Amino acid sequence: MKTVSTDEFKKAIALANCIKSKSAAIFDYVLLDGDGQNIKILKTNGRLSCRLQVESEFEGQMCINAERLLKLLQAADADRIGLEAEMDGDKPRLAVFDGDVKYSLTTMTRDEFPDLNFSGDGDYVATANANELRTAVKECEAFSAKDDARSYLNGVWCRAAGEGRAEFDVFATDGHRMLVHPIPAAYDKAFYFFIEGDQIKPFLRFFGKNATVVITGSSGLTTISSEDGNEVVTLRNPDFEPPPVDEVIPDEESMFELKVSPEDLLKLAKKAMKIEGRSKVNVLITIEATRENVLFTLGRSESGSRMEAKVEGFFDSPKSIKMHFNCQFVIDAMSLFLGEGTRIFTGRPEHDGRLKRPFLIKNGKRLAIVMPIYL
C-alpha cells in the first residue's frame, strides 16, 4: 500500500473538480496516473483541461469519480491516506485507507478517459506573472458578452500583437464597450488565445499568486503551466480570430481629454441610477462639453425626466461635443479605474460628420472604452 498526503491530495482533487461539464459522464471523473514518484491528476470538460501533481509512490492508472473521491478526502482523519489498486472479480477498484477504515471505490477503464495533450509543444513561448494574468482576466470578464451569437464576444482574449513589446493585452468586449488590460510578459512571437465565458471561473482557480506561468500554443491548443510543472492547464483554441481591437482604440493624436473629476462623474452617474430605481436599462448620460464648461444630463431616453449637473472642468479640444452613453456602462468602467492617474478622453469625430467618438477612461496602460448611443 502506498500513501499520499491527505491535505495535498484533497487540494489537488478539489482544484481539478472545479472543471465541470454535464455533457458526458466521463467528465465527472479524474484520471489518477501514478509512476512511483508522483500522482498526476487529470481532469477535463472537453474545452478546459488540467494536470496536477502530488508526491506519492502509488503506481498505476485509475479513473475515479471526482466528487466521491473529494467527499472521502474531506471526511478523512489521517494525515496520510493509503491507496491500493484491487480487483473485484474482473472489475478494478481503488482501495483508500483512512487509518483503520477502508473505502473501496468503483472505477471506469482508462480507455474511456479522453487522451489529453499536456506536452507544452507549440509555435511560441511566453512567460507572465500568474497573479497579474488572473487579475486582468477577472476585470475583463465583466465587459464580455453573455450568450451572444457572435462567439468571439463570449469570453476574454489574450493577445500579443507582435515582437518588440514587453507585454500582451488581455481584453474583452460585448460590442458596446471594451476593457483592455495589458500585463508584462516576455514572448518570442505574436500569439492569441481565448478563455470562453463559462470557463473563466475555473480558470481563475489555478496557479499560485506569485507564480510565473509559461504559455505555449499551436493552432488547436494553448497550454499554460507553472514553472515547476505541478499545475498545467490547456484551453481549446477557437476557430475564429479576435475582434479588431485596434480599429476601436484611437491613437494618441486622436484623443482629446475631458478634464473633469472622475470621482464627481461617478457620483453623478450612481445618483441618477439610484433615482431611476429598477428601470436602469435605458438610463443615458449625455455629455456636453466646451473649453469653458462641462454639463452632464442624466435620465431615461423614453421619459422627460432629467437630472442636470454642471461640473468643474473643460474639454481640451477646439470643438464642443455632445454625446450620449449608457449610464451603467460608464459606471462599470469608472468603478474599475478610480484612483490616482485616472483620466477621461474622447476620440476625434469621423469625417462623415457623425459623432463616433468613444468615451475612454485610462489609468496607466489600462483602458476602458464605451461606445456612444445615437438618438
Protein backbone atom coordinates (compact mmCIF):
# COMPACT_ATOMS: atom_id res chain seq x y z
CA MET A 1 0.00 0.00 0.00
CA LYS A 2 1.31 3.44 -0.96
CA THR A 3 0.42 6.67 0.81
CA VAL A 4 -0.13 10.31 -0.08
CA SER A 5 -0.58 13.48 1.97
CA THR A 6 -4.30 13.82 2.64
CA ASP A 7 -4.19 17.62 2.57
CA GLU A 8 -2.19 17.90 -0.66
CA PHE A 9 -4.28 15.24 -2.38
CA LYS A 10 -7.52 16.88 -1.23
CA LYS A 11 -6.44 20.30 -2.50
CA ALA A 12 -5.48 18.87 -5.88
CA ILE A 13 -8.72 16.92 -6.33
CA ALA A 14 -10.80 19.96 -5.26
CA LEU A 15 -8.96 22.15 -7.78
CA ALA A 16 -9.36 19.64 -10.59
CA ASN A 17 -13.04 19.21 -9.75
CA CYS A 18 -13.77 22.89 -10.48
CA ILE A 19 -13.63 21.86 -14.16
CA LYS A 20 -17.13 20.53 -14.80
CA SER A 21 -19.46 19.58 -17.62
CA LYS A 22 -22.86 17.92 -17.92
CA SER A 23 -22.37 16.76 -21.50
CA ALA A 24 -20.80 13.34 -20.75
CA ALA A 25 -20.43 11.11 -17.66
CA ILE A 26 -16.68 10.70 -18.16
CA PHE A 27 -16.22 14.42 -17.49
CA ASP A 28 -17.20 13.73 -13.85
CA TYR A 29 -14.07 11.62 -13.45
CA VAL A 30 -10.41 12.28 -12.74
CA LEU A 31 -7.62 10.11 -14.03
CA LEU A 32 -5.02 9.21 -11.39
CA ASP A 33 -1.73 8.33 -13.09
CA GLY A 34 0.96 7.19 -10.63
CA ASP A 35 4.55 6.50 -11.68
CA GLY A 36 6.01 5.54 -8.29
CA GLN A 37 7.15 9.10 -7.51
CA ASN A 38 4.15 11.31 -8.23
CA ILE A 39 0.45 11.01 -8.93
CA LYS A 40 -0.67 13.05 -11.90
CA ILE A 41 -4.32 14.12 -11.63
CA LEU A 42 -6.05 14.78 -14.95
CA LYS A 43 -9.49 16.33 -15.46
CA THR A 44 -11.28 17.80 -18.49
CA ASN A 45 -14.64 19.02 -19.71
CA GLY A 46 -13.67 18.89 -23.38
CA ARG A 47 -12.73 22.58 -23.58
CA LEU A 48 -10.66 23.23 -20.44
CA SER A 49 -8.30 20.57 -19.03
CA CYS A 50 -5.82 20.37 -16.16
CA ARG A 51 -2.98 18.18 -14.97
CA LEU A 52 -1.92 18.48 -11.33
CA GLN A 53 0.77 16.60 -9.45
CA VAL A 54 1.32 15.43 -5.87
CA GLU A 55 4.10 13.29 -4.40
CA SER A 56 3.30 9.60 -3.85
CA GLU A 57 4.81 6.18 -4.56
CA PHE A 58 1.48 4.95 -5.92
CA GLU A 59 1.74 3.24 -9.32
CA GLY A 60 -0.99 2.62 -11.85
CA GLN A 61 -3.85 4.36 -13.63
CA MET A 62 -7.30 4.65 -12.08
CA CYS A 63 -10.31 6.61 -13.34
CA ILE A 64 -12.35 7.76 -10.32
CA ASN A 65 -15.47 9.87 -9.82
CA ALA A 66 -14.03 13.20 -8.67
CA GLU A 67 -16.92 14.23 -6.41
CA ARG A 68 -16.96 10.93 -4.49
CA LEU A 69 -13.21 10.96 -4.01
CA LEU A 70 -13.28 14.57 -2.81
CA LYS A 71 -16.01 13.88 -0.24
CA LEU A 72 -13.99 10.92 1.08
CA LEU A 73 -10.86 13.07 1.43
CA GLN A 74 -12.79 15.85 3.15
CA ALA A 75 -14.00 13.36 5.76
CA ALA A 76 -10.60 11.67 6.27
CA ASP A 77 -8.90 11.95 9.70
CA ALA A 78 -5.42 10.58 8.91
CA ASP A 79 -2.61 12.93 7.80
CA ARG A 80 -1.75 10.44 5.07
CA ILE A 81 -4.14 8.09 3.33
CA GLY A 82 -3.27 4.80 1.69
CA LEU A 83 -4.00 3.94 -1.93
CA GLU A 84 -4.07 0.48 -3.45
CA ALA A 85 -5.39 -0.96 -6.71
CA GLU A 86 -7.50 -4.09 -6.27
CA MET A 87 -9.81 -6.29 -8.27
CA ASP A 88 -13.45 -7.15 -7.66
CA GLY A 89 -13.77 -10.12 -9.98
CA ASP A 90 -12.78 -8.66 -13.33
CA LYS A 91 -13.51 -5.07 -12.28
CA PRO A 92 -10.69 -2.82 -10.99
CA ARG A 93 -11.34 -0.76 -7.86
CA LEU A 94 -9.36 1.77 -5.83
CA ALA A 95 -8.95 0.99 -2.14
CA VAL A 96 -8.49 4.08 0.05
CA PHE A 97 -7.29 3.63 3.64
CA ASP A 98 -8.02 6.28 6.29
CA GLY A 99 -6.32 4.80 9.37
CA ASP A 100 -8.21 1.58 10.14
CA VAL A 101 -11.06 2.48 7.79
CA LYS A 102 -11.04 1.13 4.24
CA TYR A 103 -13.08 2.55 1.36
CA SER A 104 -13.46 0.80 -1.98
CA LEU A 105 -14.26 2.99 -4.98
CA THR A 106 -15.52 1.83 -8.36
CA THR A 107 -13.59 2.94 -11.42
CA MET A 108 -14.03 3.43 -15.13
CA THR A 109 -11.48 1.98 -17.52
CA ARG A 110 -8.55 4.08 -18.68
CA ASP A 111 -9.68 3.67 -22.28
CA GLU A 112 -12.86 5.63 -21.54
CA PHE A 113 -10.94 8.72 -20.41
CA PRO A 114 -10.02 11.18 -23.20
CA ASP A 115 -6.43 11.41 -24.39
CA LEU A 116 -5.11 14.81 -23.29
CA ASN A 117 -2.05 16.63 -24.58
CA PHE A 118 -0.01 18.44 -21.92
CA SER A 119 3.31 18.37 -23.79
CA GLY A 120 3.59 22.14 -23.99
CA ASP A 121 4.78 21.96 -27.60
CA GLY A 122 3.77 24.99 -29.59
CA ASP A 123 4.59 27.72 -32.07
CA TYR A 124 5.53 30.27 -29.39
CA VAL A 125 6.67 30.55 -25.76
CA ALA A 126 5.58 33.35 -23.41
CA THR A 127 6.01 33.96 -19.69
CA ALA A 128 3.89 36.14 -17.40
CA ASN A 129 3.02 36.58 -13.73
CA ALA A 130 0.05 34.38 -12.83
CA ASN A 131 -1.49 36.87 -10.41
CA GLU A 132 -1.37 39.68 -12.99
CA LEU A 133 -2.91 37.40 -15.60
CA ARG A 134 -5.72 36.34 -13.28
CA THR A 135 -6.41 39.94 -12.21
CA ALA A 136 -6.65 41.09 -15.82
CA VAL A 137 -8.92 38.19 -16.84
CA LYS A 138 -11.22 38.78 -13.86
CA GLU A 139 -11.54 42.51 -14.63
CA CYS A 140 -12.22 41.93 -18.32
CA GLU A 141 -14.87 39.25 -17.70
CA ALA A 142 -17.44 41.92 -16.75
CA PHE A 143 -17.06 43.52 -20.21
CA SER A 144 -17.59 40.30 -22.18
CA ALA A 145 -20.87 39.32 -23.80
CA LYS A 146 -23.18 36.64 -22.44
CA ASP A 147 -24.64 34.16 -24.94
CA ASP A 148 -24.08 36.43 -27.92
CA ALA A 149 -24.50 34.88 -31.38
CA ARG A 150 -21.03 36.22 -32.13
CA SER A 151 -18.98 33.62 -30.27
CA TYR A 152 -15.82 35.73 -30.25
CA LEU A 153 -17.52 38.16 -27.80
CA ASN A 154 -18.41 35.48 -25.20
CA GLY A 155 -15.16 35.41 -23.26
CA VAL A 156 -11.77 37.01 -22.64
CA TRP A 157 -8.95 37.29 -25.17
CA CYS A 158 -5.20 37.36 -24.54
CA ARG A 159 -3.23 38.74 -27.46
CA ALA A 160 0.39 39.57 -28.16
CA ALA A 161 0.37 41.82 -31.21
CA GLY A 162 3.96 41.18 -32.26
CA GLU A 163 7.60 41.24 -31.35
CA GLY A 164 9.28 44.19 -29.67
CA ARG A 165 6.78 44.63 -26.81
CA ALA A 166 7.29 43.59 -23.20
CA GLU A 167 3.59 42.95 -22.59
CA PHE A 168 0.47 41.41 -24.06
CA ASP A 169 -3.14 42.61 -23.95
CA VAL A 170 -5.92 40.94 -22.03
CA PHE A 171 -9.25 42.29 -23.30
CA ALA A 172 -12.98 41.66 -23.65
CA THR A 173 -15.85 43.37 -25.43
CA ASP A 174 -19.59 42.91 -25.80
CA GLY A 175 -19.76 45.11 -28.89
CA HIS A 176 -20.81 48.20 -26.90
CA ARG A 177 -17.86 48.57 -24.53
CA MET A 178 -14.40 47.14 -24.11
CA LEU A 179 -11.74 46.76 -21.44
CA VAL A 180 -8.06 46.40 -22.32
CA HIS A 181 -5.64 45.40 -19.55
CA PRO A 182 -2.01 44.96 -20.70
CA ILE A 183 0.24 42.80 -18.47
CA PRO A 184 4.05 42.49 -18.50
CA ALA A 185 5.23 39.44 -20.42
CA ALA A 186 8.11 38.03 -22.41
CA TYR A 187 7.46 36.18 -25.67
CA ASP A 188 9.18 35.25 -28.90
CA LYS A 189 6.40 35.84 -31.46
CA ALA A 190 2.81 37.05 -31.84
CA PHE A 191 0.01 34.87 -30.46
CA TYR A 192 -3.52 34.90 -29.07
CA PHE A 193 -5.77 32.60 -27.08
CA PHE A 194 -9.36 32.75 -25.85
CA ILE A 195 -10.94 31.85 -22.49
CA GLU A 196 -14.60 31.04 -23.05
CA GLY A 197 -17.01 32.81 -20.70
CA ASP A 198 -18.19 29.73 -18.81
CA GLN A 199 -14.58 28.57 -18.36
CA ILE A 200 -13.30 31.79 -16.77
CA LYS A 201 -14.26 30.99 -13.16
CA PRO A 202 -12.48 27.60 -13.11
CA PHE A 203 -9.50 29.08 -14.96
CA LEU A 204 -9.09 31.72 -12.22
CA ARG A 205 -8.68 28.99 -9.59
CA PHE A 206 -5.32 27.85 -10.93
CA PHE A 207 -1.71 28.86 -10.20
CA GLY A 208 -0.17 30.46 -7.12
CA LYS A 209 -0.40 34.20 -6.59
CA ASN A 210 3.27 34.89 -7.22
CA ALA A 211 3.94 32.11 -9.69
CA THR A 212 5.32 32.66 -13.15
CA VAL A 213 3.36 30.82 -15.82
CA VAL A 214 4.71 29.56 -19.12
CA ILE A 215 2.33 29.84 -22.07
CA THR A 216 2.74 27.86 -25.28
CA GLY A 217 0.34 27.25 -28.11
CA SER A 218 -0.37 25.89 -31.54
CA SER A 219 -3.32 26.07 -33.91
CA GLY A 220 -5.51 23.82 -31.78
CA LEU A 221 -4.37 24.14 -28.17
CA THR A 222 -2.95 26.62 -25.66
CA THR A 223 -1.01 25.25 -22.68
CA ILE A 224 -0.41 27.30 -19.52
CA SER A 225 1.82 25.77 -16.85
CA SER A 226 3.56 26.69 -13.61
CA GLU A 227 7.34 26.76 -13.77
CA ASP A 228 7.64 23.59 -11.67
CA GLY A 229 5.16 21.75 -13.88
CA ASN A 230 2.88 20.81 -10.96
CA GLU A 231 -0.06 22.73 -12.46
CA VAL A 232 -0.83 22.62 -16.17
CA VAL A 233 -3.98 23.93 -17.86
CA THR A 234 -4.91 23.59 -21.51
CA LEU A 235 -7.50 25.60 -23.46
CA ARG A 236 -9.05 24.53 -26.72
CA ASN A 237 -8.31 27.25 -29.26
CA PRO A 238 -11.30 28.74 -31.11
CA ASP A 239 -11.85 28.52 -34.85
CA PHE A 240 -12.32 32.31 -35.03
CA GLU A 241 -9.96 35.25 -34.65
CA PRO A 242 -10.05 38.11 -32.10
CA PRO A 243 -12.28 41.12 -32.79
CA PRO A 244 -10.49 44.08 -34.43
CA VAL A 245 -9.46 45.89 -31.25
CA ASP A 246 -7.04 48.25 -32.95
CA GLU A 247 -9.84 49.70 -35.07
CA VAL A 248 -11.72 50.81 -31.93
CA ILE A 249 -8.87 52.30 -29.90
CA PRO A 250 -7.98 55.81 -31.11
CA ASP A 251 -4.32 56.72 -31.43
CA GLU A 252 -2.87 59.32 -29.08
CA GLU A 253 -3.22 62.13 -31.63
CA SER A 254 -6.96 61.46 -31.99
CA MET A 255 -7.76 61.64 -28.28
CA PHE A 256 -8.99 64.79 -26.52
CA GLU A 257 -9.09 64.99 -22.75
CA LEU A 258 -12.26 65.73 -20.81
CA LYS A 259 -10.79 67.49 -17.79
CA VAL A 260 -13.29 66.69 -15.05
CA SER A 261 -13.05 64.81 -11.78
CA PRO A 262 -13.68 61.06 -12.34
CA GLU A 263 -14.98 60.83 -8.76
CA ASP A 264 -17.56 63.58 -9.39
CA LEU A 265 -18.70 61.94 -12.61
CA LEU A 266 -19.12 58.55 -10.90
CA LYS A 267 -21.15 60.07 -8.05
CA LEU A 268 -23.49 61.77 -10.51
CA ALA A 269 -24.00 58.62 -12.55
CA LYS A 270 -24.71 56.50 -9.46
CA LYS A 271 -27.15 59.12 -8.18
CA ALA A 272 -29.09 59.07 -11.44
CA MET A 273 -29.29 55.28 -11.40
CA LYS A 274 -30.48 55.29 -7.80
CA ILE A 275 -33.26 57.74 -8.61
CA GLU A 276 -34.41 55.66 -11.56
CA GLY A 277 -34.78 52.54 -9.41
CA ARG A 278 -35.23 49.28 -11.29
CA SER A 279 -35.67 50.74 -14.77
CA LYS A 280 -31.97 51.18 -15.44
CA VAL A 281 -31.55 49.74 -18.89
CA ASN A 282 -32.32 52.99 -20.76
CA VAL A 283 -30.67 55.48 -18.43
CA LEU A 284 -28.39 57.68 -20.50
CA ILE A 285 -25.60 60.06 -19.62
CA THR A 286 -25.31 62.98 -22.02
CA ILE A 287 -22.08 64.96 -22.03
CA GLU A 288 -21.99 68.50 -23.44
CA ALA A 289 -18.53 69.95 -23.20
CA THR A 290 -16.71 73.05 -24.40
CA ARG A 291 -13.49 74.77 -23.50
CA GLU A 292 -15.40 76.72 -20.83
CA ASN A 293 -17.57 74.15 -19.03
CA VAL A 294 -18.95 70.61 -18.91
CA LEU A 295 -22.67 69.75 -18.47
CA PHE A 296 -23.88 66.26 -17.64
CA THR A 297 -27.51 65.34 -18.23
CA LEU A 298 -28.72 62.02 -16.88
CA GLY A 299 -32.10 60.37 -17.36
CA ARG A 300 -34.17 57.82 -19.25
CA SER A 301 -34.31 58.07 -23.01
CA GLU A 302 -38.06 57.36 -23.20
CA SER A 303 -39.15 59.80 -20.50
CA GLY A 304 -38.95 63.53 -19.98
CA SER A 305 -37.26 63.26 -16.56
CA ARG A 306 -33.72 64.56 -16.47
CA MET A 307 -31.08 65.36 -13.89
CA GLU A 308 -28.68 68.10 -14.96
CA ALA A 309 -25.40 68.95 -13.29
CA LYS A 310 -22.61 71.31 -14.22
CA VAL A 311 -19.22 70.15 -13.04
CA GLU A 312 -15.96 72.00 -12.80
CA GLY A 313 -13.80 71.30 -15.81
CA PHE A 314 -13.46 71.79 -19.53
CA PHE A 315 -12.92 69.93 -22.80
CA ASP A 316 -9.40 70.16 -24.22
CA SER A 317 -10.49 70.46 -27.85
CA PRO A 318 -11.15 73.34 -30.26
CA LYS A 319 -14.65 71.95 -30.91
CA SER A 320 -17.52 71.39 -28.48
CA ILE A 321 -19.16 67.97 -28.20
CA LYS A 322 -22.48 66.40 -27.28
CA MET A 323 -22.52 62.64 -26.73
CA HIS A 324 -24.88 60.03 -25.25
CA PHE A 325 -23.77 56.89 -23.41
CA ASN A 326 -25.31 54.03 -21.45
CA CYS A 327 -25.06 55.22 -17.84
CA GLN A 328 -24.48 51.74 -16.33
CA PHE A 329 -21.63 51.08 -18.76
CA VAL A 330 -19.97 54.33 -17.69
CA ILE A 331 -20.39 53.38 -14.00
CA ASP A 332 -18.85 49.93 -14.59
CA ALA A 333 -15.83 51.46 -16.29
CA MET A 334 -15.35 54.29 -13.81
CA SER A 335 -15.64 51.95 -10.80
CA LEU A 336 -12.74 49.85 -12.06
CA PHE A 337 -10.50 52.80 -12.83
CA LEU A 338 -10.96 55.17 -9.90
CA GLY A 339 -7.69 56.26 -8.34
CA GLU A 340 -4.69 58.45 -8.87
CA GLY A 341 -3.82 58.89 -12.51
CA THR A 342 -7.30 58.22 -13.94
CA ARG A 343 -8.07 60.39 -16.97
CA ILE A 344 -11.07 60.70 -19.30
CA PHE A 345 -10.85 61.16 -23.08
CA THR A 346 -12.97 61.09 -26.22
CA GLY A 347 -11.88 60.28 -29.73
CA ARG A 348 -11.91 62.56 -32.76
CA PRO A 349 -15.16 62.62 -34.81
CA GLU A 350 -15.13 60.74 -38.10
CA HIS A 351 -15.07 62.69 -41.36
CA ASP A 352 -18.67 61.79 -42.23
CA GLY A 353 -19.87 64.16 -39.51
CA ARG A 354 -21.36 61.59 -37.12
CA LEU A 355 -20.01 61.64 -33.58
CA LYS A 356 -18.44 58.19 -33.46
CA ARG A 357 -16.02 59.19 -30.77
CA PRO A 358 -16.00 56.74 -27.84
CA PHE A 359 -15.81 57.53 -24.14
CA LEU A 360 -12.37 56.46 -22.91
CA ILE A 361 -11.07 56.05 -19.36
CA LYS A 362 -7.35 55.49 -18.84
CA ASN A 363 -5.31 54.59 -15.82
CA GLY A 364 -1.72 53.79 -16.67
CA LYS A 365 -1.92 51.43 -19.62
CA ARG A 366 -5.36 50.09 -18.71
CA LEU A 367 -8.12 51.38 -20.95
CA ALA A 368 -11.93 51.18 -20.82
CA ILE A 369 -13.99 52.17 -23.84
CA VAL A 370 -17.75 52.86 -24.00
CA MET A 371 -19.23 53.42 -27.44
CA PRO A 372 -21.79 56.20 -27.92
CA ILE A 373 -25.54 55.82 -28.43
CA TYR A 374 -27.16 57.67 -31.32
CA LEU A 375 -30.56 59.26 -30.66
